[in-house]
Protein backbone atom coordinates (compact mmCIF):
# COMPACT_ATOMS: atom_id res chain seq x y z
CA MET A 1 72.57 323.15 232.74
CA ILE A 2 69.31 321.36 231.96
CA THR A 3 66.42 323.42 233.26
CA LEU A 4 63.49 321.35 232.03
CA PRO A 5 61.44 319.74 234.83
CA ARG A 6 63.15 316.38 235.08
CA ARG A 7 61.05 314.26 237.34
CA THR A 8 58.97 313.97 240.46
CA LEU A 9 60.62 312.14 243.33
CA ARG A 10 59.53 308.55 243.64
CA PHE A 11 59.14 308.71 247.38
CA ALA A 12 59.73 311.05 250.33
CA LEU A 13 57.70 313.82 248.64
CA ALA A 14 54.82 311.42 247.96
CA ALA A 15 52.91 312.27 251.13
CA ILE A 16 53.13 316.00 250.43
CA THR A 17 51.96 315.59 246.84
CA MET A 18 49.16 313.21 247.81
CA ALA A 19 47.93 315.73 250.35
CA ALA A 20 47.95 318.40 247.69
CA ALA A 21 46.09 316.09 245.30
CA GLY A 22 43.49 315.45 247.94
CA ALA A 23 43.08 319.18 248.46
CA ILE A 24 42.17 319.79 244.83
CA ALA A 25 40.21 316.59 244.28
CA ASN A 26 37.11 318.16 245.82
CA PRO A 27 37.58 321.91 245.41
CA THR A 28 35.30 324.58 246.76
CA PRO A 29 35.41 327.16 243.97
CA ALA A 30 34.91 330.86 244.70
CA HIS A 31 32.36 330.86 241.91
CA ALA A 32 30.73 328.26 239.70
CA ALA A 33 30.85 328.54 235.93
CA GLY A 34 29.57 325.99 233.46
CA SER A 35 30.01 322.23 233.64
CA THR A 36 32.34 320.29 235.91
CA PHE A 37 35.44 318.78 234.33
CA HIS A 38 36.85 315.55 235.76
CA ILE A 39 40.51 314.60 235.29
CA THR A 40 41.96 311.12 235.65
CA GLY A 41 45.39 309.83 234.70
CA ARG A 42 48.22 307.41 235.26
CA GLY A 43 51.96 307.56 235.78
CA TRP A 44 54.17 309.83 237.89
CA GLY A 45 56.72 312.20 236.36
CA HIS A 46 57.63 313.15 232.83
CA GLY A 47 57.93 309.55 231.58
CA ILE A 48 61.00 310.20 229.40
CA GLY A 49 63.88 307.71 229.41
CA LEU A 50 64.18 305.28 232.30
CA SER A 51 61.12 304.45 234.38
CA GLN A 52 62.31 303.66 237.90
CA GLU A 53 59.39 301.39 238.77
CA GLY A 54 59.59 299.90 235.29
CA ALA A 55 63.28 299.12 235.79
CA TYR A 56 62.29 297.26 238.94
CA GLY A 57 59.81 295.19 236.92
CA LEU A 58 62.25 294.70 234.06
CA SER A 59 64.92 293.32 236.40
CA LYS A 60 62.63 290.33 236.95
CA ARG A 61 61.99 289.71 233.24
CA VAL A 62 63.75 288.00 230.38
CA ASP A 63 65.85 290.12 228.05
CA PRO A 64 64.95 288.99 224.51
CA VAL A 65 68.45 290.00 223.37
CA THR A 66 70.27 287.68 225.78
CA GLY A 67 67.58 285.15 226.70
CA ASP A 68 68.45 285.71 230.38
CA LEU A 69 67.22 288.12 233.05
CA PHE A 70 67.79 291.78 232.30
CA THR A 71 71.10 293.16 233.55
CA ALA A 72 71.65 296.81 234.42
CA ALA A 73 73.12 297.40 230.96
CA GLY A 74 70.13 295.65 229.38
CA ILE A 75 67.70 297.87 231.31
CA ILE A 76 69.57 300.96 230.15
CA ARG A 77 69.53 299.72 226.55
CA TYR A 78 65.79 299.04 226.72
CA TYR A 79 64.80 302.46 228.00
CA PHE A 80 67.23 304.50 225.92
CA GLY A 81 66.38 303.57 222.36
CA ASN A 82 65.85 299.81 222.80
CA THR A 83 68.69 299.31 220.34
CA THR A 84 72.21 297.92 220.35
CA LYS A 85 73.35 301.42 219.38
CA THR A 86 72.93 302.29 223.06
CA LYS A 87 75.89 300.98 225.06
CA VAL A 88 77.11 301.21 228.64
CA GLU A 89 80.86 301.83 228.69
CA ALA A 90 83.45 303.06 231.17
CA ALA A 91 84.53 306.70 231.07
CA SER A 92 87.23 308.66 232.84
CA GLY A 93 86.38 309.95 236.30
CA LYS A 94 85.53 313.57 237.01
CA ASN A 95 84.69 315.95 239.83
CA VAL A 96 81.34 317.71 240.04
CA ARG A 97 80.36 320.89 241.84
CA VAL A 98 77.06 320.88 243.73
CA LEU A 99 75.37 324.03 245.06
CA LEU A 100 74.52 323.00 248.61
CA ASP A 101 71.83 325.56 249.36
CA PRO A 102 68.60 324.06 247.92
CA ASN A 103 67.36 327.62 247.34
CA ALA A 104 70.31 328.48 245.11
CA GLY A 105 69.77 329.44 241.50
CA SER A 106 72.12 330.09 238.62
CA GLY A 107 74.46 333.05 238.21
CA SER A 108 74.14 335.67 240.94
CA ALA A 109 71.24 333.67 242.46
CA ALA A 110 73.78 331.03 243.53
CA TYR A 111 75.02 333.44 246.22
CA THR A 112 72.41 333.00 248.91
CA LYS A 113 73.70 333.64 252.45
CA THR A 114 75.82 336.13 254.38
CA ALA A 115 77.39 333.38 256.51
CA TRP A 116 78.17 329.68 256.38
CA SER A 117 79.47 327.78 259.40
CA LEU A 118 81.70 324.73 258.87
CA ARG A 119 83.57 322.27 261.04
CA ALA A 120 85.47 319.01 260.73
CA GLY A 121 83.25 316.01 260.10
CA HIS A 122 84.74 313.98 262.95
CA GLU A 123 85.22 314.80 266.64
CA GLY A 124 88.71 316.17 267.22
CA GLY A 125 89.33 316.88 263.54
CA LYS A 126 90.54 320.12 262.01
CA LEU A 127 89.73 321.99 258.84
CA LEU A 128 92.33 322.56 256.16
CA VAL A 129 91.66 325.94 254.53
CA GLN A 130 93.07 326.90 251.14
CA ALA A 131 92.77 330.22 249.29
CA SER A 132 94.65 332.02 246.55
CA ASN A 133 96.51 334.23 249.08
CA LEU A 134 97.40 331.42 251.52
CA PRO A 135 100.34 329.00 251.32
CA SER A 136 99.64 326.40 248.61
CA ALA A 137 99.45 323.59 251.17
CA GLY A 138 96.73 325.44 253.06
CA VAL A 139 96.40 326.29 256.74
CA LEU A 140 94.90 324.14 259.49
CA THR A 141 92.40 325.58 261.94
CA PRO A 142 93.84 325.74 265.45
CA GLY A 143 91.35 323.21 266.77
CA ASP A 144 88.00 321.50 266.42
CA GLY A 145 84.86 323.64 266.35
CA LEU A 146 82.75 325.82 264.12
CA TYR A 147 84.34 328.33 261.78
CA THR A 148 82.06 330.86 260.10
CA PHE A 149 82.81 332.35 256.69
CA LYS A 150 81.42 335.80 255.86
CA PRO A 151 81.76 338.17 252.90
CA VAL A 152 83.82 341.29 253.51
CA SER A 153 85.36 343.91 251.28
CA GLY A 154 87.87 342.22 249.02
CA GLY A 155 87.01 338.61 249.88
CA ILE A 156 86.02 336.34 252.79
CA ALA A 157 86.69 336.61 256.51
CA VAL A 158 86.75 333.64 258.88
CA TYR A 159 85.40 333.76 262.43
CA SER A 160 85.93 331.24 265.24
CA GLY A 161 82.49 330.08 266.31
CA GLY A 162 78.98 330.44 264.97
CA THR A 163 77.36 333.16 262.89
CA SER A 164 77.21 335.60 265.82
CA SER A 165 80.93 335.33 266.56
CA THR A 166 83.05 338.48 266.20
CA THR A 167 86.37 336.68 266.85
CA ARG A 168 88.35 336.66 263.63
CA TRP A 169 90.66 333.80 262.75
CA ASN A 170 93.42 334.98 260.45
CA PRO A 171 95.18 331.96 258.93
CA SER A 172 98.89 332.70 258.49
CA GLY A 173 98.08 336.28 259.48
CA VAL A 174 95.77 336.79 256.48
CA SER A 175 92.58 338.59 257.51
CA VAL A 176 90.77 338.47 254.18
CA LEU A 177 90.88 335.35 252.01
CA THR A 178 90.67 335.90 248.26
CA GLY A 179 89.37 333.77 245.42
CA THR A 180 87.56 330.50 246.02
CA VAL A 181 88.15 329.19 249.55
CA THR A 182 88.44 325.39 249.65
CA VAL A 183 87.82 323.57 252.94
CA THR A 184 88.65 319.93 253.61
CA GLU A 185 89.02 317.84 256.76
CA SER A 186 92.31 316.83 258.31
CA ALA A 187 91.60 313.94 260.64
CA SER A 188 92.68 310.37 261.23
CA ALA A 189 89.13 309.12 260.68
CA THR A 190 87.86 308.29 257.22
CA PRO A 191 86.24 309.26 254.99
CA ALA A 192 87.25 312.92 255.09
CA LEU A 193 84.11 314.97 255.78
CA VAL A 194 83.19 318.62 256.20
CA GLN A 195 80.08 319.46 258.21
CA VAL A 196 77.82 322.43 257.38
CA ALA A 197 75.82 323.78 260.33
CA GLN A 198 73.11 325.55 258.30
CA GLY A 199 70.42 323.75 256.30
CA THR A 200 71.64 322.19 253.04
CA GLY A 201 70.70 319.43 250.63
CA ILE A 202 67.33 318.73 249.08
CA TYR A 203 65.54 318.71 252.47
CA GLU A 204 67.61 321.56 253.93
CA ARG A 205 68.86 319.52 256.86
CA THR A 206 71.21 321.09 259.38
CA TYR A 207 74.62 319.65 260.29
CA VAL A 208 75.04 317.58 257.14
CA ARG A 209 78.47 316.08 256.53
CA TYR A 210 79.80 316.10 252.97
CA ARG A 211 82.58 314.08 251.39
CA ASP A 212 85.67 315.57 249.77
CA ALA A 213 85.70 319.41 249.83
CA VAL A 214 83.40 322.35 250.49
CA GLN A 215 84.13 325.59 248.64
CA VAL A 216 83.07 329.11 249.58
CA THR A 217 82.99 332.02 247.11
CA SER A 218 81.93 335.64 247.69
CA ASN A 219 80.30 338.13 245.33
CA GLY A 220 80.89 340.96 247.81
CA SER A 221 77.61 340.71 249.67
CA ASN A 222 76.66 337.01 249.77
CA LEU A 223 78.36 333.62 249.68
CA LYS A 224 78.02 330.63 247.40
CA LEU A 225 78.55 327.21 249.00
CA VAL A 226 79.61 324.29 246.80
CA ASN A 227 80.48 320.66 247.45
CA ARG A 228 83.39 319.78 245.15
CA ILE A 229 83.19 316.03 245.04
CA THR A 230 84.13 313.09 242.84
CA LEU A 231 81.30 311.87 240.65
CA GLU A 232 81.33 308.47 242.35
CA HIS A 233 81.06 309.98 245.84
CA TYR A 234 78.29 312.29 244.60
CA LEU A 235 76.32 309.25 243.45
CA TYR A 236 76.54 307.78 246.95
CA GLY A 237 74.32 310.66 248.04
CA VAL A 238 72.04 310.54 244.99
CA VAL A 239 71.07 306.93 244.30
CA PRO A 240 69.34 306.16 247.65
CA ARG A 241 67.34 309.39 247.22
CA GLU A 242 66.04 308.22 243.85
CA VAL A 243 65.17 304.55 244.46
CA PRO A 244 65.10 302.34 247.56
CA ALA A 245 68.47 300.80 248.42
CA SER A 246 66.48 297.72 249.46
CA TRP A 247 66.20 296.92 245.74
CA ALA A 248 69.65 295.39 246.14
CA SER A 249 67.79 292.29 247.32
CA GLY A 250 65.70 290.99 244.45
CA ALA A 251 66.08 293.85 241.96
CA ASN A 252 69.78 294.69 242.07
CA ALA A 253 69.95 295.21 238.30
CA ALA A 254 67.43 298.04 238.66
CA LEU A 255 69.49 299.62 241.44
CA GLN A 256 72.62 299.38 239.30
CA ALA A 257 70.74 300.80 236.30
CA GLN A 258 69.75 303.80 238.44
CA ALA A 259 73.42 304.31 239.34
CA ILE A 260 74.40 304.24 235.65
CA ALA A 261 71.61 306.61 234.64
CA ALA A 262 72.40 309.01 237.48
CA ARG A 263 76.10 308.97 236.58
CA SER A 264 75.49 309.60 232.92
CA TYR A 265 72.99 312.37 233.71
CA ALA A 266 75.57 314.16 235.87
CA TYR A 267 78.40 313.52 233.41
CA VAL A 268 77.00 315.75 230.66
CA PRO A 269 76.59 319.16 232.38
CA THR A 270 79.72 321.31 232.76
CA GLY A 271 78.27 323.82 235.23
CA GLU A 272 77.22 323.52 238.83
CA LEU A 273 74.61 320.97 239.87
CA TYR A 274 71.76 321.43 242.31
CA THR A 275 70.74 319.32 245.31
CA THR A 276 67.13 319.36 244.10
CA THR A 277 65.31 317.69 241.23
CA ARG A 278 66.52 320.55 239.05
CA SER A 279 69.53 318.23 238.79
CA GLN A 280 69.25 315.15 241.01
CA ALA A 281 68.15 314.70 244.61
CA TYR A 282 71.30 314.88 246.75
CA MET A 283 71.73 314.84 250.52
CA GLY A 284 75.37 314.14 251.38
CA HIS A 285 77.01 311.54 253.60
CA SER A 286 75.31 311.84 257.01
CA SER A 287 73.77 314.38 259.38
CA GLY A 288 73.52 315.23 263.06
CA SER A 289 74.98 317.75 265.49
CA ASP A 290 76.49 314.89 267.52
CA ARG A 291 79.24 313.70 265.20
CA THR A 292 79.64 310.46 267.17
CA ALA A 293 76.03 309.41 266.46
CA THR A 294 75.05 310.77 263.05
CA GLN A 295 72.25 309.56 260.81
CA ALA A 296 73.48 307.93 257.62
CA LEU A 297 72.22 309.55 254.42
CA GLU A 298 74.09 307.12 252.20
CA ASP A 299 73.35 303.39 252.20
CA SER A 300 75.93 300.64 251.86
CA ARG A 301 73.66 298.75 249.44
CA SER A 302 73.28 301.61 246.99
CA ASN A 303 76.96 302.50 247.48
CA LYS A 304 77.78 298.98 246.31
CA ALA A 305 75.63 299.47 243.21
CA VAL A 306 77.64 302.61 242.47
CA ASP A 307 80.91 300.77 243.06
CA ASP A 308 79.87 297.79 240.95
CA THR A 309 79.17 300.10 238.00
CA ARG A 310 82.09 302.47 238.64
CA GLY A 311 82.72 304.83 235.77
CA GLN A 312 79.98 303.39 233.55
CA ILE A 313 77.98 305.90 231.51
CA VAL A 314 75.64 305.67 228.54
CA TYR A 315 76.71 306.27 224.95
CA TYR A 316 74.68 306.29 221.77
CA TYR A 317 76.56 305.22 218.63
CA THR A 318 75.55 307.30 215.63
CA THR A 319 77.93 305.17 213.52
CA SER A 320 80.11 302.18 214.33
CA SER A 321 82.95 304.52 215.30
CA SER A 322 81.15 307.71 216.41
CA LYS A 323 79.44 307.96 219.79
CA GLN A 324 78.11 310.56 222.20
CA VAL A 325 77.28 310.63 225.89
CA ILE A 326 73.52 310.97 226.22
CA THR A 327 71.44 312.72 228.85
CA THR A 328 69.72 309.88 230.68
CA TYR A 329 66.43 311.29 231.93
CA PHE A 330 64.43 309.23 234.39
CA SER A 331 61.20 309.46 236.33
CA SER A 332 59.21 307.39 238.78
CA ALA A 333 56.60 305.55 236.69
CA SER A 334 55.22 305.99 233.19
CA GLY A 335 51.86 304.30 233.65
CA GLY A 336 52.57 301.45 231.24
CA HIS A 337 54.48 303.18 228.42
CA THR A 338 57.31 305.72 228.42
CA ALA A 339 57.26 308.83 226.23
CA ASN A 340 58.98 310.19 223.17
CA VAL A 341 60.79 313.30 224.37
CA GLU A 342 59.08 315.51 221.76
CA ASP A 343 55.64 314.38 222.97
CA VAL A 344 56.21 315.78 226.48
CA TRP A 345 58.70 318.59 225.97
CA THR A 346 57.25 319.73 222.68
CA SER A 347 60.06 322.18 221.94
CA SER A 348 62.58 319.31 221.95
CA ASP A 349 63.77 317.66 218.76
CA PRO A 350 63.17 313.89 218.52
CA LYS A 351 66.05 311.79 219.82
CA PRO A 352 66.54 308.13 218.81
CA TRP A 353 67.55 307.26 222.39
CA LEU A 354 64.49 308.99 223.90
CA LYS A 355 61.72 306.95 222.27
CA GLY A 356 58.87 305.52 224.28
CA VAL A 357 58.65 301.80 225.04
CA PRO A 358 56.09 299.60 226.86
CA ASP A 359 56.87 299.80 230.55
CA PRO A 360 56.39 297.02 233.14
CA ASP A 361 55.87 299.47 236.03
CA GLN A 362 53.14 297.41 237.69
CA SER A 363 54.83 297.91 241.08
CA SER A 364 53.80 301.58 240.97
CA PRO A 365 50.44 302.53 242.51
CA TYR A 366 50.07 304.86 239.51
CA HIS A 367 50.50 302.16 236.86
CA LEU A 368 46.82 302.00 235.92
CA SER A 369 45.40 305.16 237.46
CA TRP A 370 45.92 307.98 239.91
CA PRO A 371 44.29 307.32 243.29
CA SER A 372 41.67 310.05 242.95
CA THR A 373 39.76 312.06 240.36
CA ILE A 374 40.49 315.78 240.16
CA SER A 375 37.45 317.94 239.49
CA HIS A 376 37.06 321.62 238.59
CA ASP A 377 34.20 323.63 237.20
CA GLY A 378 34.81 325.70 234.07
CA GLY A 379 35.58 328.83 236.07
CA ALA A 380 38.14 327.18 238.34
CA LEU A 381 39.77 325.49 235.36
CA ALA A 382 39.95 328.86 233.60
CA SER A 383 41.55 330.47 236.65
CA LYS A 384 44.29 327.87 236.83
CA ILE A 385 45.10 328.13 233.12
CA ARG A 386 44.99 331.93 233.30
CA ALA A 387 47.36 331.98 236.30
CA TYR A 388 49.82 329.78 234.44
CA SER A 389 49.68 331.55 231.07
CA SER A 390 47.49 334.50 230.19
CA SER A 391 48.17 333.86 226.49
CA ALA A 392 46.51 330.45 226.77
CA ALA A 393 43.33 331.84 228.30
CA GLU A 394 40.53 334.33 227.87
CA ALA A 395 40.18 337.16 230.37
CA SER A 396 37.88 336.82 233.38
CA PRO A 397 34.95 336.26 233.73
CA ARG A 398 35.07 333.95 230.71
CA TYR A 399 35.36 330.28 231.55
CA VAL A 400 36.19 326.92 229.95
CA THR A 401 33.35 325.10 228.22
CA GLY A 402 35.24 322.28 226.50
CA VAL A 403 38.56 320.40 226.50
CA SER A 404 39.97 318.21 223.73
CA ILE A 405 43.27 316.31 223.76
CA THR A 406 45.66 315.34 220.96
CA ARG A 407 47.65 312.30 222.06
CA ALA A 408 51.01 310.90 221.05
CA SER A 409 50.86 308.74 217.94
CA ASN A 410 52.97 305.89 219.38
CA GLY A 411 50.30 304.53 221.72
CA SER A 412 51.99 305.84 224.87
CA GLY A 413 48.86 307.72 225.96
CA TYR A 414 50.60 311.04 226.59
CA ALA A 415 48.71 314.28 225.93
CA VAL A 416 50.73 316.31 223.42
CA ARG A 417 48.31 319.23 222.92
CA VAL A 418 45.27 320.38 224.88
CA THR A 419 42.73 322.65 223.23
CA THR A 420 40.30 324.53 225.46
CA THR A 421 37.08 326.13 224.27
CA TRP A 422 35.87 329.20 226.17
CA SER A 423 32.49 330.69 226.95
CA ASN A 424 32.94 333.35 224.26
CA GLY A 425 33.48 330.65 221.63
CA LYS A 426 37.23 331.18 221.28
CA THR A 427 39.75 328.34 221.55
CA HIS A 428 43.30 328.16 222.89
CA SER A 429 45.92 325.45 222.48
CA MET A 430 48.66 324.60 224.94
CA SER A 431 51.06 321.71 225.32
CA GLY A 432 50.10 318.78 227.51
CA ASN A 433 53.12 319.62 229.65
CA ALA A 434 51.83 323.18 230.17
CA PHE A 435 48.34 321.91 231.07
CA GLN A 436 49.93 319.50 233.56
CA ALA A 437 51.91 322.34 235.16
CA ALA A 438 48.90 324.65 235.27
CA LEU A 439 46.82 322.09 237.15
CA GLY A 440 49.59 320.44 239.18
CA LEU A 441 48.99 316.99 237.68
CA ARG A 442 51.31 314.02 238.23
CA SER A 443 52.05 313.49 234.53
CA THR A 444 50.88 314.38 231.03
CA LYS A 445 49.14 311.04 230.74
CA PHE A 446 45.67 312.31 231.63
CA SER A 447 42.06 312.30 230.43
CA VAL A 448 39.51 315.09 230.84
CA GLY A 449 35.77 314.41 230.93
CA LYS A 450 33.00 316.99 230.89
CA GLY A 451 30.24 316.08 233.31
CA SER A 452 31.44 312.46 233.67
CA VAL A 453 34.57 310.76 234.95
CA PRO A 454 36.70 309.47 232.04
CA LYS A 455 38.86 306.38 232.01
CA PRO A 456 42.62 307.03 232.28
CA PRO A 457 44.42 306.90 228.91
CA SER A 458 45.06 303.45 227.46
CA VAL A 459 48.48 302.38 226.26
CA SER A 460 49.62 299.88 223.63
CA GLY A 461 52.50 297.46 223.20
CA SER A 462 53.78 294.53 225.21
CA THR A 463 56.65 294.41 227.67
CA PRO A 464 59.36 291.72 227.89
CA LEU A 465 58.23 288.53 229.55
CA ALA A 466 58.84 287.57 233.14
CA PRO A 467 60.86 284.36 233.65
CA ALA A 468 58.70 281.26 233.71
CA THR A 469 58.93 277.48 233.92
CA ARG A 470 57.71 275.55 230.89
CA TYR A 471 55.68 272.35 231.24
CA GLU A 472 54.89 270.08 228.30
CA GLU A 473 51.29 269.18 227.50
CA THR A 474 52.02 265.55 228.48
CA ASP A 475 52.62 266.47 232.14
CA SER A 476 50.41 264.29 234.34
CA ARG A 477 49.36 267.29 236.45
CA LEU A 478 47.42 268.73 233.52
CA ALA A 479 43.81 267.60 233.01
CA LYS A 480 41.39 267.56 230.09
CA THR A 481 37.90 266.43 229.18
CA GLY A 482 36.66 265.12 225.83
CA THR A 483 38.68 263.70 222.96
CA TRP A 484 42.23 265.05 222.67
CA VAL A 485 44.65 263.62 220.13
CA ALA A 486 48.43 263.47 220.46
CA HIS A 487 50.46 264.83 217.53
CA THR A 488 54.23 264.47 217.27
CA SER A 489 56.68 266.64 215.37
CA PRO A 490 60.25 267.79 216.01
CA THR A 491 59.03 271.38 215.56
CA PHE A 492 56.79 271.16 218.64
CA SER A 493 57.97 271.95 222.16
CA GLY A 494 59.11 268.63 223.61
CA GLY A 495 58.36 266.97 220.28
CA SER A 496 54.58 266.72 220.68
CA GLN A 497 51.31 268.56 221.22
CA THR A 498 47.68 267.64 221.82
CA TRP A 499 44.60 268.86 219.96
CA SER A 500 40.82 268.66 219.90
CA GLN A 501 38.20 269.90 217.45
CA THR A 502 35.13 268.97 219.47
CA ALA A 503 33.10 271.82 220.90
CA ASN A 504 33.14 272.03 224.73
CA ASP A 505 36.25 269.84 225.09
CA ARG A 506 38.38 271.43 227.83
CA PHE A 507 42.00 271.63 228.97
CA TYR A 508 42.79 272.54 232.61
CA VAL A 509 46.00 274.06 234.01
CA THR A 510 46.16 274.46 237.78
CA PHE A 511 49.18 276.19 239.25
CA SER A 512 50.55 278.13 242.19
CA GLY A 513 52.14 281.34 240.98
CA THR A 514 51.56 284.79 239.50
CA GLY A 515 51.09 284.10 235.79
CA VAL A 516 50.33 281.50 233.12
CA ARG A 517 50.91 281.26 229.35
CA TRP A 518 49.46 278.96 226.73
CA VAL A 519 51.95 277.91 224.04
CA ALA A 520 50.43 276.63 220.78
CA THR A 521 50.82 276.30 217.01
CA LYS A 522 49.02 278.65 214.63
CA SER A 523 48.21 277.41 211.13
CA THR A 524 45.48 277.06 208.48
CA GLY A 525 43.73 274.10 210.11
CA TYR A 526 43.12 275.65 213.50
CA GLY A 527 40.05 277.31 215.00
CA LYS A 528 38.92 279.14 218.11
CA ALA A 529 38.85 278.61 221.87
CA ASN A 530 37.75 280.60 224.90
CA VAL A 531 40.15 281.03 227.82
CA TYR A 532 39.05 281.37 231.44
CA VAL A 533 41.19 282.14 234.49
CA ASP A 534 39.75 281.22 237.87
CA GLY A 535 36.36 280.76 236.23
CA VAL A 536 36.31 284.22 234.63
CA TYR A 537 36.21 284.54 230.84
CA LYS A 538 39.32 286.34 229.55
CA LYS A 539 39.58 286.07 225.79
CA THR A 540 38.67 284.20 222.62
CA ILE A 541 41.82 282.91 220.91
CA ASP A 542 41.89 282.32 217.15
CA LEU A 543 44.68 279.90 216.17
CA TYR A 544 44.30 280.44 212.42
CA ARG A 545 47.33 281.69 210.50
CA SER A 546 47.92 281.57 206.75
CA SER A 547 51.36 280.00 207.32
CA THR A 548 52.42 277.70 210.13
CA LEU A 549 54.11 279.15 213.20
CA THR A 550 54.96 276.96 216.18
CA GLY A 551 55.80 277.87 219.77
CA VAL A 552 53.51 280.91 219.90
CA ARG A 553 52.43 282.25 223.30
CA VAL A 554 48.82 282.73 222.24
CA PHE A 555 47.53 283.73 225.69
CA MET A 556 49.11 285.16 228.81
CA ALA A 557 47.68 286.11 232.21
CA THR A 558 50.27 287.98 234.27
CA GLY A 559 50.35 289.91 237.52
CA LEU A 560 47.99 287.51 239.28
CA PRO A 561 47.97 287.48 243.09
CA SER A 562 50.47 284.92 244.33
CA GLY A 563 48.57 281.71 245.07
CA SER A 564 46.55 278.96 243.45
CA HIS A 565 44.88 279.58 240.06
CA THR A 566 43.33 277.60 237.21
CA MET A 567 43.36 278.36 233.50
CA MET A 568 40.77 276.56 231.41
CA ILE A 569 40.83 276.33 227.60
CA LYS A 570 37.42 275.59 226.06
CA VAL A 571 37.24 274.38 222.43
CA LEU A 572 34.50 276.25 220.52
CA GLY A 573 34.36 274.08 217.43
CA SER A 574 34.28 277.24 215.30
CA LYS A 575 36.69 279.03 213.00
CA GLN A 576 37.09 282.00 210.76
CA SER A 577 36.13 281.59 207.11
CA ALA A 578 39.72 281.30 205.85
CA ALA A 579 40.53 278.38 208.15
CA VAL A 580 40.20 274.79 206.92
CA GLY A 581 39.65 273.25 210.36
CA THR A 582 38.52 273.94 213.93
CA ARG A 583 41.32 272.19 215.82
CA VAL A 584 42.62 273.74 219.04
CA ASN A 585 46.06 272.63 220.20
CA VAL A 586 48.13 272.86 223.34
CA ASP A 587 51.89 272.55 222.88
CA ALA A 588 53.03 273.58 226.37
CA VAL A 589 52.19 275.90 229.28
CA GLU A 590 54.46 278.28 231.19
CA ILE A 591 54.06 279.31 234.83
CA GLU A 592 55.39 282.58 236.26
CA GLY A 593 56.43 282.85 239.89
CA GLY A 594 55.55 279.33 240.88
CA SER A 595 54.89 275.83 239.61
CA LEU A 596 52.29 273.49 238.15
CA THR A 597 50.00 271.69 240.61
CA GLN A 598 47.54 268.85 240.11
CA ALA A 599 44.57 269.83 238.01
CA THR A 600 41.18 268.14 238.32
CA ALA A 601 38.74 268.04 235.42
CA PRO A 602 35.11 268.49 236.58
């Protein structure tokens, strides 16, 4: 079983975590020591593998492999190696076993309670009970109602009623059931459900109904409660806990990609799973003491995403004929770039399918920065590190006087190592992941400033483009001032482009949408231009290139608020020394999330 911290929930726990973040943002230390350290950051979760918010963004972008919008399989390929060696393929079905008590651990810690009360999931239903010393077909309970299972000498006893009941039910005259006791529902209603009265699932809800079978095992003093369920039915209870089922409208590929990643993640382990983020968040089918008016915990939209990807898991091909199922980690948002596994979990070996990629997770509120700065003086910082690992700290009353960070070399921004300097002059090194855990940070993509608030880490790389509509430079809705010359060639978009070499000549693109791109040719005879969006200077573009390249998107402004915008290209009449001319050309423009409107040249 994987025991590494896998991710932070995207939602549901957000309010709790935000409250905690607020509590430590302005601490009142028991004592002050040295300077104040300010911590900023971006992203939420470990950042390895699939970014859930990034998958949402990717579902609305163009896959450079296919030239069409990303599919679920394309999203999986992108986040797990960004290579055709990563493939989504069907696998045989399997059952999984899920420990239903969220407080359960492994081994003997899986046995958590002295009683579990079960009943049929539908009014009027009965339970079918099977055990190693009962008839192979099992025995039906005499009627509807709660039946409580308790450990006794030699096995498990069953009582009619709740946990306080002393009335034994002896199926087929057997007073003590041996081995694993399997309980299913026998009812005309579908699907077959077993309801657990005590708190279960990630939020420890009472009266949750579970699909398929519930199994009870005794260790002599306590019971272990397991949901034995098909992998597909298990995913019905997982996927809507991980991402919003509402993504089915507008981002269905991301919802399907989550189903594939969740399936593949659960396919690898051979032991029991947990209802918590130690495995995947799982809640079951529905809940409520009134079985005629329960609250749905599954969602038909996410169930459809599971059904539409039935059996599909993720393989990585080491050769053309050799493949392996990979563990498909995922987290909420990477803050612009996912991580190499070895940069976060530093004891892990590098994996070709767990390499960081630029991440279009702009829908996350943590894409650029966390909502607040976390501040601690040197003494408080020392206390937190000391509480997490005494070997990474000096003994009290020594305190932290400096912090330096070694970042990942791939431009992802993740902190790989953190070195702290202490008031006695000694230094200690710890992994970025350990520093994150010690301080309760959202991710390992953080910055630490002494006495001043630092900027969150920057990231590098560009993400796949969003779909856009292309307009040729001859479109009558475009406007320009000065002397622009038409130039025709079959290599240009639409067969022509326009250019000017006169300083202050301008080209205007007015549009309604969320993004704009300037498509141009780069070659030896071209110079420089300034680009403005909505009157604000954005960038100086140099169109020089030692060899000719046409159809280049030389400037892009994306993520603009939906509405009316204007891009203006201003010819500078200047060039770099290697260029033989100062021409600036426009081959075409592309508009994201909208369309071209009539431009007016001042």
